[in-house]
Amino acid sequence: MNTSEMICKSCGGNSFVQAMDFINLRPVDKKIALGSERIFTVCLDCGEVVSIKVKNPKNLIR
């Protein structure tokens, strides 16, 4: 995602940072699964999360 062209829908800001959550997302029906981290794109002006992306989506089907 190219953050230099983004505009925040909440505040109109155009400064963003990407941050990662290291608690893996995993399928509901699999208690033991590798899962994947999530990458958040966050507006630096108001804190709105404008995007959430799964880093390794194929890890959700294993």
C-alpha atoms as a PDB file:
ATOM      1  CA  MET A   1       0.000   0.000   0.000  1.00  0.00           C
ATOM      2  CA  ASN A   2       1.420   3.337  -1.037  1.00  0.00           C
ATOM      3  CA  THR A   3       0.879   5.561   2.015  1.00  0.00           C
ATOM      4  CA  SER A   4       2.188   8.704   0.275  1.00  0.00           C
ATOM      5  CA  GLU A   5      -1.046   8.963  -1.756  1.00  0.00           C
ATOM      6  CA  MET A   6      -3.486   8.125   1.057  1.00  0.00           C
ATOM      7  CA  ILE A   7      -5.885  10.498   2.785  1.00  0.00           C
ATOM      8  CA  CYS A   8      -7.469   9.574   6.122  1.00  0.00           C
ATOM      9  CA  LYS A   9     -11.272   9.436   5.855  1.00  0.00           C
ATOM     10  CA  SER A  10     -11.623  10.413   9.525  1.00  0.00           C
ATOM     11  CA  CYS A  11      -9.476  13.541   9.755  1.00  0.00           C
ATOM     12  CA  GLY A  12      -8.114  14.284   6.270  1.00  0.00           C
ATOM     13  CA  GLY A  13      -4.543  13.629   7.395  1.00  0.00           C
ATOM     14  CA  ASN A  14      -1.913  12.248   5.047  1.00  0.00           C
ATOM     15  CA  SER A  15       0.757  10.918   7.428  1.00  0.00           C
ATOM     16  CA  PHE A  16       0.684   7.171   8.031  1.00  0.00           C
ATOM     17  CA  VAL A  17       2.789   4.484   9.631  1.00  0.00           C
ATOM     18  CA  GLN A  18       2.671   0.722   9.325  1.00  0.00           C
ATOM     19  CA  ALA A  19       2.700  -1.275  12.560  1.00  0.00           C
ATOM     20  CA  MET A  20       2.626  -5.015  13.204  1.00  0.00           C
ATOM     21  CA  ASP A  21       0.775  -7.046  15.799  1.00  0.00           C
ATOM     22  CA  PHE A  22       2.789 -10.118  16.745  1.00  0.00           C
ATOM     23  CA  ILE A  23      -0.192 -12.049  18.112  1.00  0.00           C
ATOM     24  CA  ASN A  24      -0.967 -14.326  15.190  1.00  0.00           C
ATOM     25  CA  LEU A  25      -4.345 -14.434  13.534  1.00  0.00           C
ATOM     26  CA  ARG A  26      -5.464 -18.048  13.170  1.00  0.00           C
ATOM     27  CA  PRO A  27      -8.476 -19.940  11.851  1.00  0.00           C
ATOM     28  CA  VAL A  28     -11.330 -20.276  14.356  1.00  0.00           C
ATOM     29  CA  ASP A  29     -11.562 -24.046  13.912  1.00  0.00           C
ATOM     30  CA  LYS A  30      -7.823 -24.700  14.459  1.00  0.00           C
ATOM     31  CA  LYS A  31      -6.600 -24.295  18.024  1.00  0.00           C
ATOM     32  CA  ILE A  32      -3.015 -25.112  17.028  1.00  0.00           C
ATOM     33  CA  ALA A  33      -2.121 -23.278  13.828  1.00  0.00           C
ATOM     34  CA  LEU A  34       0.865 -21.240  12.690  1.00  0.00           C
ATOM     35  CA  GLY A  35      -1.321 -18.313  11.682  1.00  0.00           C
ATOM     36  CA  SER A  36       0.007 -14.955  10.546  1.00  0.00           C
ATOM     37  CA  GLU A  37       0.856 -11.510  11.851  1.00  0.00           C
ATOM     38  CA  ARG A  38      -1.306  -8.505  10.927  1.00  0.00           C
ATOM     39  CA  ILE A  39       0.035  -5.309   9.433  1.00  0.00           C
ATOM     40  CA  PHE A  40      -1.896  -2.163  10.382  1.00  0.00           C
ATOM     41  CA  THR A  41      -1.707   1.131   8.486  1.00  0.00           C
ATOM     42  CA  VAL A  42      -2.413   3.891  11.025  1.00  0.00           C
ATOM     43  CA  CYS A  43      -3.035   7.622  10.553  1.00  0.00           C
ATOM     44  CA  LEU A  44      -0.433   9.515  12.573  1.00  0.00           C
ATOM     45  CA  ASP A  45      -2.758  12.497  12.977  1.00  0.00           C
ATOM     46  CA  CYS A  46      -5.799  10.831  14.575  1.00  0.00           C
ATOM     47  CA  GLY A  47      -4.857   7.170  15.144  1.00  0.00           C
ATOM     48  CA  GLU A  48      -7.482   5.750  12.780  1.00  0.00           C
ATOM     49  CA  VAL A  49      -6.570   2.299  11.461  1.00  0.00           C
ATOM     50  CA  VAL A  50      -7.131   2.652   7.722  1.00  0.00           C
ATOM     51  CA  SER A  51      -5.975  -0.824   6.694  1.00  0.00           C
ATOM     52  CA  ILE A  52      -5.374  -4.252   8.198  1.00  0.00           C
ATOM     53  CA  LYS A  53      -3.477  -6.785   6.107  1.00  0.00           C
ATOM     54  CA  VAL A  54      -2.529 -10.381   6.935  1.00  0.00           C
ATOM     55  CA  LYS A  55       1.208 -10.805   6.344  1.00  0.00           C
ATOM     56  CA  ASN A  56       1.094 -14.513   5.340  1.00  0.00           C
ATOM     57  CA  PRO A  57      -2.483 -15.441   4.358  1.00  0.00           C
ATOM     58  CA  LYS A  58      -1.458 -18.960   3.258  1.00  0.00           C
ATOM     59  CA  ASN A  59      -0.600 -19.729   6.898  1.00  0.00           C
ATOM     60  CA  LEU A  60      -4.320 -19.551   7.670  1.00  0.00           C
ATOM     61  CA  ILE A  61      -5.140 -22.629   5.593  1.00  0.00           C
ATOM     62  CA  ARG A  62      -2.428 -24.934   6.907  1.00  0.00           C
END
